[in-house]
Amino acid sequence: VRKAKGWSQEALAKRCGISLNFMGKIERGKRRMSMDTFASLC
C-alpha cells in the first residue's frame, strides 16, 4: 500500500510517528506493533 501511494518508508514512518528502523522491521515482519501504531498505519 505504501509503494502504491509512492511513499518512502521514511515518509510513512514520519506520518505515523515512528522511527525508520521500526518501520522497516514492521514491513519485514520482524517486529510487532502497538495498537496505536497499527491504527496510525491504517
ModelCIF file with pLDDT and N, C-alpha, C, O atoms, coordinates in Angstrom:
data_MODEL
#
_entry.id   MODEL 
#
_entity.id                         1 
_entity.type                       polymer 
_entity.pdbx_number_of_molecules   1 
#
_entity_poly.entity_id                      1 
_entity_poly.type                           'polypeptide(L)' 
_entity_poly.nstd_linkage                   no 
_entity_poly.nstd_monomer                   no 
_entity_poly.pdbx_seq_one_letter_code       VRKAKGWSQEALAKRCGISLNFMGKIERGKRRMSMDTFASLC 
_entity_poly.pdbx_seq_one_letter_code_can   VRKAKGWSQEALAKRCGISLNFMGKIERGKRRMSMDTFASLC 
_entity_poly.pdbx_strand_id                 A 
#
loop_
_entity_poly_seq.entity_id 
_entity_poly_seq.num 
_entity_poly_seq.mon_id 
_entity_poly_seq.hetero 
1 1  VAL n 
1 2  ARG n 
1 3  LYS n 
1 4  ALA n 
1 5  LYS n 
1 6  GLY n 
1 7  TRP n 
1 8  SER n 
1 9  GLN n 
1 10 GLU n 
1 11 ALA n 
1 12 LEU n 
1 13 ALA n 
1 14 LYS n 
1 15 ARG n 
1 16 CYS n 
1 17 GLY n 
1 18 ILE n 
1 19 SER n 
1 20 LEU n 
1 21 ASN n 
1 22 PHE n 
1 23 MET n 
1 24 GLY n 
1 25 LYS n 
1 26 ILE n 
1 27 GLU n 
1 28 ARG n 
1 29 GLY n 
1 30 LYS n 
1 31 ARG n 
1 32 ARG n 
1 33 MET n 
1 34 SER n 
1 35 MET n 
1 36 ASP n 
1 37 THR n 
1 38 PHE n 
1 39 ALA n 
1 40 SER n 
1 41 LEU n 
1 42 CYS n 
#
_struct_asym.id          A 
_struct_asym.entity_id   1 
#
loop_
_ma_qa_metric.id 
_ma_qa_metric.mode 
_ma_qa_metric.name 
_ma_qa_metric.software_group_id 
_ma_qa_metric.type 
1 global pLDDT . pLDDT 
2 local  pLDDT . pLDDT 
#
_ma_qa_metric_global.metric_id      1 
_ma_qa_metric_global.metric_value   96.05 
_ma_qa_metric_global.model_id       1 
_ma_qa_metric_global.ordinal_id     1 
#
loop_
_ma_qa_metric_local.label_asym_id 
_ma_qa_metric_local.label_comp_id 
_ma_qa_metric_local.label_seq_id 
_ma_qa_metric_local.metric_id 
_ma_qa_metric_local.metric_value 
_ma_qa_metric_local.model_id 
_ma_qa_metric_local.ordinal_id 
A VAL 1  2 94.00 1 1  
A ARG 2  2 95.00 1 2  
A LYS 3  2 95.00 1 3  
A ALA 4  2 94.00 1 4  
A LYS 5  2 94.00 1 5  
A GLY 6  2 96.00 1 6  
A TRP 7  2 96.00 1 7  
A SER 8  2 97.00 1 8  
A GLN 9  2 97.00 1 9  
A GLU 10 2 97.00 1 10 
A ALA 11 2 97.00 1 11 
A LEU 12 2 97.00 1 12 
A ALA 13 2 98.00 1 13 
A LYS 14 2 97.00 1 14 
A ARG 15 2 97.00 1 15 
A CYS 16 2 96.00 1 16 
A GLY 17 2 97.00 1 17 
A ILE 18 2 97.00 1 18 
A SER 19 2 97.00 1 19 
A LEU 20 2 97.00 1 20 
A ASN 21 2 98.00 1 21 
A PHE 22 2 98.00 1 22 
A MET 23 2 98.00 1 23 
A GLY 24 2 97.00 1 24 
A LYS 25 2 98.00 1 25 
A ILE 26 2 97.00 1 26 
A GLU 27 2 97.00 1 27 
A ARG 28 2 97.00 1 28 
A GLY 29 2 96.00 1 29 
A LYS 30 2 96.00 1 30 
A ARG 31 2 94.00 1 31 
A ARG 32 2 94.00 1 32 
A MET 33 2 95.00 1 33 
A SER 34 2 94.00 1 34 
A MET 35 2 94.00 1 35 
A ASP 36 2 95.00 1 36 
A THR 37 2 96.00 1 37 
A PHE 38 2 96.00 1 38 
A ALA 39 2 94.00 1 39 
A SER 40 2 95.00 1 40 
A LEU 41 2 96.00 1 41 
A CYS 42 2 94.00 1 42 
#
loop_
_atom_site.group_PDB 
_atom_site.id 
_atom_site.type_symbol 
_atom_site.label_atom_id 
_atom_site.label_alt_id 
_atom_site.label_comp_id 
_atom_site.label_asym_id 
_atom_site.label_entity_id 
_atom_site.label_seq_id 
_atom_site.pdbx_PDB_ins_code 
_atom_site.Cartn_x 
_atom_site.Cartn_y 
_atom_site.Cartn_z 
_atom_site.occupancy 
_atom_site.B_iso_or_equiv 
_atom_site.pdbx_formal_charge 
_atom_site.auth_seq_id 
_atom_site.auth_comp_id 
_atom_site.auth_asym_id 
_atom_site.auth_atom_id 
_atom_site.pdbx_PDB_model_num 
ATOM 1   N N  . VAL A 1 1  ? 0.842  -1.201  0.000  1.00 94.00 ? 1  VAL A N  1 
ATOM 2   C CA . VAL A 1 1  ? 0.000  0.000   0.000  1.00 94.00 ? 1  VAL A CA 1 
ATOM 3   C C  . VAL A 1 1  ? 0.876  1.248   0.000  1.00 94.00 ? 1  VAL A C  1 
ATOM 4   O O  . VAL A 1 1  ? 0.596  2.207   -0.720 1.00 94.00 ? 1  VAL A O  1 
ATOM 5   N N  . ARG A 1 2  ? 1.933  1.236   0.806  1.00 95.00 ? 2  ARG A N  1 
ATOM 6   C CA . ARG A 1 2  ? 2.845  2.386   0.856  1.00 95.00 ? 2  ARG A CA 1 
ATOM 7   C C  . ARG A 1 2  ? 3.429  2.675   -0.520 1.00 95.00 ? 2  ARG A C  1 
ATOM 8   O O  . ARG A 1 2  ? 3.442  3.822   -0.966 1.00 95.00 ? 2  ARG A O  1 
ATOM 9   N N  . LYS A 1 3  ? 3.912  1.634   -1.190 1.00 95.00 ? 3  LYS A N  1 
ATOM 10  C CA . LYS A 1 3  ? 4.505  1.816   -2.522 1.00 95.00 ? 3  LYS A CA 1 
ATOM 11  C C  . LYS A 1 3  ? 3.470  2.276   -3.540 1.00 95.00 ? 3  LYS A C  1 
ATOM 12  O O  . LYS A 1 3  ? 3.776  3.080   -4.421 1.00 95.00 ? 3  LYS A O  1 
ATOM 13  N N  . ALA A 1 4  ? 2.243  1.765   -3.421 1.00 94.00 ? 4  ALA A N  1 
ATOM 14  C CA . ALA A 1 4  ? 1.181  2.190   -4.345 1.00 94.00 ? 4  ALA A CA 1 
ATOM 15  C C  . ALA A 1 4  ? 0.908  3.683   -4.201 1.00 94.00 ? 4  ALA A C  1 
ATOM 16  O O  . ALA A 1 4  ? 0.497  4.335   -5.161 1.00 94.00 ? 4  ALA A O  1 
ATOM 17  N N  . LYS A 1 5  ? 1.132  4.218   -3.024 1.00 94.00 ? 5  LYS A N  1 
ATOM 18  C CA . LYS A 1 5  ? 0.950  5.651   -2.786 1.00 94.00 ? 5  LYS A CA 1 
ATOM 19  C C  . LYS A 1 5  ? 2.187  6.450   -3.193 1.00 94.00 ? 5  LYS A C  1 
ATOM 20  O O  . LYS A 1 5  ? 2.159  7.681   -3.206 1.00 94.00 ? 5  LYS A O  1 
ATOM 21  N N  . GLY A 1 6  ? 3.280  5.744   -3.527 1.00 96.00 ? 6  GLY A N  1 
ATOM 22  C CA . GLY A 1 6  ? 4.506  6.411   -3.935 1.00 96.00 ? 6  GLY A CA 1 
ATOM 23  C C  . GLY A 1 6  ? 5.295  6.992   -2.774 1.00 96.00 ? 6  GLY A C  1 
ATOM 24  O O  . GLY A 1 6  ? 6.090  7.914   -2.959 1.00 96.00 ? 6  GLY A O  1 
ATOM 25  N N  . TRP A 1 7  ? 5.080  6.459   -1.578 1.00 96.00 ? 7  TRP A N  1 
ATOM 26  C CA . TRP A 1 7  ? 5.755  6.965   -0.385 1.00 96.00 ? 7  TRP A CA 1 
ATOM 27  C C  . TRP A 1 7  ? 6.980  6.125   -0.056 1.00 96.00 ? 7  TRP A C  1 
ATOM 28  O O  . TRP A 1 7  ? 7.021  4.927   -0.336 1.00 96.00 ? 7  TRP A O  1 
ATOM 29  N N  . SER A 1 8  ? 7.966  6.763   0.535  1.00 97.00 ? 8  SER A N  1 
ATOM 30  C CA . SER A 1 8  ? 9.123  6.048   1.057  1.00 97.00 ? 8  SER A CA 1 
ATOM 31  C C  . SER A 1 8  ? 8.782  5.522   2.448  1.00 97.00 ? 8  SER A C  1 
ATOM 32  O O  . SER A 1 8  ? 7.803  5.944   3.063  1.00 97.00 ? 8  SER A O  1 
ATOM 33  N N  . GLN A 1 9  ? 9.598  4.600   2.930  1.00 97.00 ? 9  GLN A N  1 
ATOM 34  C CA . GLN A 1 9  ? 9.427  4.122   4.310  1.00 97.00 ? 9  GLN A CA 1 
ATOM 35  C C  . GLN A 1 9  ? 9.563  5.294   5.274  1.00 97.00 ? 9  GLN A C  1 
ATOM 36  O O  . GLN A 1 9  ? 8.815  5.409   6.245  1.00 97.00 ? 9  GLN A O  1 
ATOM 37  N N  . GLU A 1 10 ? 10.522 6.155   4.991  1.00 97.00 ? 10 GLU A N  1 
ATOM 38  C CA . GLU A 1 10 ? 10.763 7.299   5.863  1.00 97.00 ? 10 GLU A CA 1 
ATOM 39  C C  . GLU A 1 10 ? 9.537  8.211   5.942  1.00 97.00 ? 10 GLU A C  1 
ATOM 40  O O  . GLU A 1 10 ? 9.174  8.676   7.022  1.00 97.00 ? 10 GLU A O  1 
ATOM 41  N N  . ALA A 1 11 ? 8.907  8.460   4.807  1.00 97.00 ? 11 ALA A N  1 
ATOM 42  C CA . ALA A 1 11 ? 7.724  9.326   4.796  1.00 97.00 ? 11 ALA A CA 1 
ATOM 43  C C  . ALA A 1 11 ? 6.591  8.723   5.627  1.00 97.00 ? 11 ALA A C  1 
ATOM 44  O O  . ALA A 1 11 ? 5.942  9.430   6.398  1.00 97.00 ? 11 ALA A O  1 
ATOM 45  N N  . LEU A 1 12 ? 6.354  7.424   5.471  1.00 97.00 ? 12 LEU A N  1 
ATOM 46  C CA . LEU A 1 12 ? 5.281  6.780   6.230  1.00 97.00 ? 12 LEU A CA 1 
ATOM 47  C C  . LEU A 1 12 ? 5.633  6.743   7.717  1.00 97.00 ? 12 LEU A C  1 
ATOM 48  O O  . LEU A 1 12 ? 4.772  6.975   8.566  1.00 97.00 ? 12 LEU A O  1 
ATOM 49  N N  . ALA A 1 13 ? 6.882  6.456   8.027  1.00 98.00 ? 13 ALA A N  1 
ATOM 50  C CA . ALA A 1 13 ? 7.308  6.431   9.429  1.00 98.00 ? 13 ALA A CA 1 
ATOM 51  C C  . ALA A 1 13 ? 7.059  7.784   10.092 1.00 98.00 ? 13 ALA A C  1 
ATOM 52  O O  . ALA A 1 13 ? 6.551  7.842   11.212 1.00 98.00 ? 13 ALA A O  1 
ATOM 53  N N  . LYS A 1 14 ? 7.414  8.870   9.408  1.00 97.00 ? 14 LYS A N  1 
ATOM 54  C CA . LYS A 1 14 ? 7.193  10.210  9.959  1.00 97.00 ? 14 LYS A CA 1 
ATOM 55  C C  . LYS A 1 14 ? 5.710  10.478  10.178 1.00 97.00 ? 14 LYS A C  1 
ATOM 56  O O  . LYS A 1 14 ? 5.314  11.028  11.206 1.00 97.00 ? 14 LYS A O  1 
ATOM 57  N N  . ARG A 1 15 ? 4.893  10.087  9.205  1.00 97.00 ? 15 ARG A N  1 
ATOM 58  C CA . ARG A 1 15 ? 3.445  10.311  9.319  1.00 97.00 ? 15 ARG A CA 1 
ATOM 59  C C  . ARG A 1 15 ? 2.867  9.553   10.516 1.00 97.00 ? 15 ARG A C  1 
ATOM 60  O O  . ARG A 1 15 ? 1.914  10.013  11.146 1.00 97.00 ? 15 ARG A O  1 
ATOM 61  N N  . CYS A 1 16 ? 3.447  8.392   10.825 1.00 96.00 ? 16 CYS A N  1 
ATOM 62  C CA . CYS A 1 16 ? 2.953  7.557   11.923 1.00 96.00 ? 16 CYS A CA 1 
ATOM 63  C C  . CYS A 1 16 ? 3.649  7.842   13.255 1.00 96.00 ? 16 CYS A C  1 
ATOM 64  O O  . CYS A 1 16 ? 3.244  7.318   14.293 1.00 96.00 ? 16 CYS A O  1 
ATOM 65  N N  . GLY A 1 17 ? 4.682  8.664   13.226 1.00 97.00 ? 17 GLY A N  1 
ATOM 66  C CA . GLY A 1 17 ? 5.390  8.994   14.454 1.00 97.00 ? 17 GLY A CA 1 
ATOM 67  C C  . GLY A 1 17 ? 6.268  7.877   14.976 1.00 97.00 ? 17 GLY A C  1 
ATOM 68  O O  . GLY A 1 17 ? 6.432  7.729   16.187 1.00 97.00 ? 17 GLY A O  1 
ATOM 69  N N  . ILE A 1 18 ? 6.839  7.084   14.069 1.00 97.00 ? 18 ILE A N  1 
ATOM 70  C CA . ILE A 1 18 ? 7.745  6.005   14.472 1.00 97.00 ? 18 ILE A CA 1 
ATOM 71  C C  . ILE A 1 18 ? 9.072  6.164   13.731 1.00 97.00 ? 18 ILE A C  1 
ATOM 72  O O  . ILE A 1 18 ? 9.174  6.939   12.781 1.00 97.00 ? 18 ILE A O  1 
ATOM 73  N N  . SER A 1 19 ? 10.076 5.429   14.171 1.00 97.00 ? 19 SER A N  1 
ATOM 74  C CA . SER A 1 19 ? 11.385 5.529   13.524 1.00 97.00 ? 19 SER A CA 1 
ATOM 75  C C  . SER A 1 19 ? 11.399 4.770   12.200 1.00 97.00 ? 19 SER A C  1 
ATOM 76  O O  . SER A 1 19 ? 10.613 3.850   11.974 1.00 97.00 ? 19 SER A O  1 
ATOM 77  N N  . LEU A 1 20 ? 12.312 5.187   11.343 1.00 97.00 ? 20 LEU A N  1 
ATOM 78  C CA . LEU A 1 20 ? 12.509 4.494   10.065 1.00 97.00 ? 20 LEU A CA 1 
ATOM 79  C C  . LEU A 1 20 ? 12.910 3.042   10.312 1.00 97.00 ? 20 LEU A C  1 
ATOM 80  O O  . LEU A 1 20 ? 12.448 2.141   9.611  1.00 97.00 ? 20 LEU A O  1 
ATOM 81  N N  . ASN A 1 21 ? 13.759 2.817   11.294 1.00 98.00 ? 21 ASN A N  1 
ATOM 82  C CA . ASN A 1 21 ? 14.213 1.467   11.637 1.00 98.00 ? 21 ASN A CA 1 
ATOM 83  C C  . ASN A 1 21 ? 13.011 0.576   12.009 1.00 98.00 ? 21 ASN A C  1 
ATOM 84  O O  . ASN A 1 21 ? 12.900 -0.557  11.540 1.00 98.00 ? 21 ASN A O  1 
ATOM 85  N N  . PHE A 1 22 ? 12.126 1.101   12.848 1.00 98.00 ? 22 PHE A N  1 
ATOM 86  C CA . PHE A 1 22 ? 10.951 0.341   13.267 1.00 98.00 ? 22 PHE A CA 1 
ATOM 87  C C  . PHE A 1 22 ? 10.030 0.072   12.070 1.00 98.00 ? 22 PHE A C  1 
ATOM 88  O O  . PHE A 1 22 ? 9.487  -1.025  11.937 1.00 98.00 ? 22 PHE A O  1 
ATOM 89  N N  . MET A 1 23 ? 9.856  1.073   11.204 1.00 98.00 ? 23 MET A N  1 
ATOM 90  C CA . MET A 1 23 ? 9.007  0.887   10.013 1.00 98.00 ? 23 MET A CA 1 
ATOM 91  C C  . MET A 1 23 ? 9.550  -0.248  9.159  1.00 98.00 ? 23 MET A C  1 
ATOM 92  O O  . MET A 1 23 ? 8.783  -1.084  8.680  1.00 98.00 ? 23 MET A O  1 
ATOM 93  N N  . GLY A 1 24 ? 10.855 -0.286  8.965  1.00 97.00 ? 24 GLY A N  1 
ATOM 94  C CA . GLY A 1 24 ? 11.469 -1.355  8.174  1.00 97.00 ? 24 GLY A CA 1 
ATOM 95  C C  . GLY A 1 24 ? 11.221 -2.726  8.793  1.00 97.00 ? 24 GLY A C  1 
ATOM 96  O O  . GLY A 1 24 ? 10.950 -3.695  8.084  1.00 97.00 ? 24 GLY A O  1 
ATOM 97  N N  . LYS A 1 25 ? 11.314 -2.799  10.107 1.00 98.00 ? 25 LYS A N  1 
ATOM 98  C CA . LYS A 1 25 ? 11.084 -4.074  10.794 1.00 98.00 ? 25 LYS A CA 1 
ATOM 99  C C  . LYS A 1 25 ? 9.623  -4.503  10.710 1.00 98.00 ? 25 LYS A C  1 
ATOM 100 O O  . LYS A 1 25 ? 9.329  -5.694  10.611 1.00 98.00 ? 25 LYS A O  1 
ATOM 101 N N  . ILE A 1 26 ? 8.709  -3.540  10.748 1.00 97.00 ? 26 ILE A N  1 
ATOM 102 C CA . ILE A 1 26 ? 7.290  -3.864  10.577 1.00 97.00 ? 26 ILE A CA 1 
ATOM 103 C C  . ILE A 1 26 ? 7.069  -4.461  9.185  1.00 97.00 ? 26 ILE A C  1 
ATOM 104 O O  . ILE A 1 26 ? 6.416  -5.494  9.041  1.00 97.00 ? 26 ILE A O  1 
ATOM 105 N N  . GLU A 1 27 ? 7.616  -3.805  8.170  1.00 97.00 ? 27 GLU A N  1 
ATOM 106 C CA . GLU A 1 27 ? 7.421  -4.271  6.793  1.00 97.00 ? 27 GLU A CA 1 
ATOM 107 C C  . GLU A 1 27 ? 8.074  -5.628  6.541  1.00 97.00 ? 27 GLU A C  1 
ATOM 108 O O  . GLU A 1 27 ? 7.621  -6.375  5.674  1.00 97.00 ? 27 GLU A O  1 
ATOM 109 N N  . ARG A 1 28 ? 9.111  -5.952  7.269  1.00 97.00 ? 28 ARG A N  1 
ATOM 110 C CA . ARG A 1 28 ? 9.761  -7.266  7.122  1.00 97.00 ? 28 ARG A CA 1 
ATOM 111 C C  . ARG A 1 28 ? 9.160  -8.311  8.045  1.00 97.00 ? 28 ARG A C  1 
ATOM 112 O O  . ARG A 1 28 ? 9.578  -9.468  8.032  1.00 97.00 ? 28 ARG A O  1 
ATOM 113 N N  . GLY A 1 29 ? 8.180  -7.911  8.847  1.00 96.00 ? 29 GLY A N  1 
ATOM 114 C CA . GLY A 1 29 ? 7.529  -8.852  9.755  1.00 96.00 ? 29 GLY A CA 1 
ATOM 115 C C  . GLY A 1 29 ? 8.396  -9.232  10.938 1.00 96.00 ? 29 GLY A C  1 
ATOM 116 O O  . GLY A 1 29 ? 8.166  -10.267 11.563 1.00 96.00 ? 29 GLY A O  1 
ATOM 117 N N  . LYS A 1 30 ? 9.386  -8.415  11.257 1.00 96.00 ? 30 LYS A N  1 
ATOM 118 C CA . LYS A 1 30 ? 10.339 -8.717  12.336 1.00 96.00 ? 30 LYS A CA 1 
ATOM 119 C C  . LYS A 1 30 ? 9.899  -8.173  13.691 1.00 96.00 ? 30 LYS A C  1 
ATOM 120 O O  . LYS A 1 30 ? 10.375 -8.630  14.730 1.00 96.00 ? 30 LYS A O  1 
ATOM 121 N N  . ARG A 1 31 ? 8.994  -7.199  13.682 1.00 94.00 ? 31 ARG A N  1 
ATOM 122 C CA . ARG A 1 31 ? 8.549  -6.595  14.938 1.00 94.00 ? 31 ARG A CA 1 
ATOM 123 C C  . ARG A 1 31 ? 7.037  -6.479  14.952 1.00 94.00 ? 31 ARG A C  1 
ATOM 124 O O  . ARG A 1 31 ? 6.402  -6.225  13.928 1.00 94.00 ? 31 ARG A O  1 
ATOM 125 N N  . ARG A 1 32 ? 6.479  -6.670  16.128 1.00 94.00 ? 32 ARG A N  1 
ATOM 126 C CA . ARG A 1 32 ? 5.058  -6.443  16.330 1.00 94.00 ? 32 ARG A CA 1 
ATOM 127 C C  . ARG A 1 32 ? 4.870  -4.985  16.705 1.00 94.00 ? 32 ARG A C  1 
ATOM 128 O O  . ARG A 1 32 ? 5.754  -4.369  17.299 1.00 94.00 ? 32 ARG A O  1 
ATOM 129 N N  . MET A 1 33 ? 3.728  -4.442  16.361 1.00 95.00 ? 33 MET A N  1 
ATOM 130 C CA . MET A 1 33 ? 3.475  -3.041  16.654 1.00 95.00 ? 33 MET A CA 1 
ATOM 131 C C  . MET A 1 33 ? 2.347  -2.906  17.666 1.00 95.00 ? 33 MET A C  1 
ATOM 132 O O  . MET A 1 33 ? 1.544  -3.822  17.849 1.00 95.00 ? 33 MET A O  1 
ATOM 133 N N  . SER A 1 34 ? 2.301  -1.768  18.310 1.00 94.00 ? 34 SER A N  1 
ATOM 134 C CA . SER A 1 34 ? 1.220  -1.493  19.259 1.00 94.00 ? 34 SER A CA 1 
ATOM 135 C C  . SER A 1 34 ? -0.068 -1.229  18.475 1.00 94.00 ? 34 SER A C  1 
ATOM 136 O O  . SER A 1 34 ? -0.050 -1.016  17.263 1.00 94.00 ? 34 SER A O  1 
ATOM 137 N N  . MET A 1 35 ? -1.161 -1.250  19.192 1.00 94.00 ? 35 MET A N  1 
ATOM 138 C CA . MET A 1 35 ? -2.446 -0.951  18.575 1.00 94.00 ? 35 MET A CA 1 
ATOM 139 C C  . MET A 1 35 ? -2.453 0.494   18.062 1.00 94.00 ? 35 MET A C  1 
ATOM 140 O O  . MET A 1 35 ? -3.034 0.778   17.015 1.00 94.00 ? 35 MET A O  1 
ATOM 141 N N  . ASP A 1 36 ? -1.811 1.402   18.797 1.00 95.00 ? 36 ASP A N  1 
ATOM 142 C CA . ASP A 1 36 ? -1.739 2.798   18.363 1.00 95.00 ? 36 ASP A CA 1 
ATOM 143 C C  . ASP A 1 36 ? -0.996 2.923   17.034 1.00 95.00 ? 36 ASP A C  1 
ATOM 144 O O  . ASP A 1 36 ? -1.432 3.644   16.136 1.00 95.00 ? 36 ASP A O  1 
ATOM 145 N N  . THR A 1 37 ? 0.121  2.220   16.917 1.00 96.00 ? 37 THR A N  1 
ATOM 146 C CA . THR A 1 37 ? 0.892  2.263   15.670 1.00 96.00 ? 37 THR A CA 1 
ATOM 147 C C  . THR A 1 37 ? 0.093  1.643   14.533 1.00 96.00 ? 37 THR A C  1 
ATOM 148 O O  . THR A 1 37 ? 0.081  2.172   13.422 1.00 96.00 ? 37 THR A O  1 
ATOM 149 N N  . PHE A 1 38 ? -0.573 0.530   14.801 1.00 96.00 ? 38 PHE A N  1 
ATOM 150 C CA . PHE A 1 38 ? -1.390 -0.113  13.769 1.00 96.00 ? 38 PHE A CA 1 
ATOM 151 C C  . PHE A 1 38 ? -2.501 0.828   13.309 1.00 96.00 ? 38 PHE A C  1 
ATOM 152 O O  . PHE A 1 38 ? -2.755 0.958   12.112 1.00 96.00 ? 38 PHE A O  1 
ATOM 153 N N  . ALA A 1 39 ? -3.161 1.481   14.262 1.00 94.00 ? 39 ALA A N  1 
ATOM 154 C CA . ALA A 1 39 ? -4.231 2.430   13.917 1.00 94.00 ? 39 ALA A CA 1 
ATOM 155 C C  . ALA A 1 39 ? -3.677 3.584   13.084 1.00 94.00 ? 39 ALA A C  1 
ATOM 156 O O  . ALA A 1 39 ? -4.325 4.040   12.142 1.00 94.00 ? 39 ALA A O  1 
ATOM 157 N N  . SER A 1 40 ? -2.480 4.056   13.429 1.00 95.00 ? 40 SER A N  1 
ATOM 158 C CA . SER A 1 40 ? -1.841 5.131   12.650 1.00 95.00 ? 40 SER A CA 1 
ATOM 159 C C  . SER A 1 40 ? -1.559 4.682   11.225 1.00 95.00 ? 40 SER A C  1 
ATOM 160 O O  . SER A 1 40 ? -1.785 5.429   10.272 1.00 95.00 ? 40 SER A O  1 
ATOM 161 N N  . LEU A 1 41 ? -1.061 3.454   11.085 1.00 96.00 ? 41 LEU A N  1 
ATOM 162 C CA . LEU A 1 41 ? -0.799 2.926   9.739  1.00 96.00 ? 41 LEU A CA 1 
ATOM 163 C C  . LEU A 1 41 ? -2.090 2.872   8.918  1.00 96.00 ? 41 LEU A C  1 
ATOM 164 O O  . LEU A 1 41 ? -2.123 3.298   7.764  1.00 96.00 ? 41 LEU A O  1 
ATOM 165 N N  . CYS A 1 42 ? -3.144 2.345   9.527  1.00 94.00 ? 42 CYS A N  1 
ATOM 166 C CA . CYS A 1 42 ? -4.432 2.261   8.815  1.00 94.00 ? 42 CYS A CA 1 
ATOM 167 C C  . CYS A 1 42 ? -4.901 3.650   8.397  1.00 94.00 ? 42 CYS A C  1 
ATOM 168 O O  . CYS A 1 42 ? -5.962 3.785   7.788  1.00 94.00 ? 42 CYS A O  1 
#
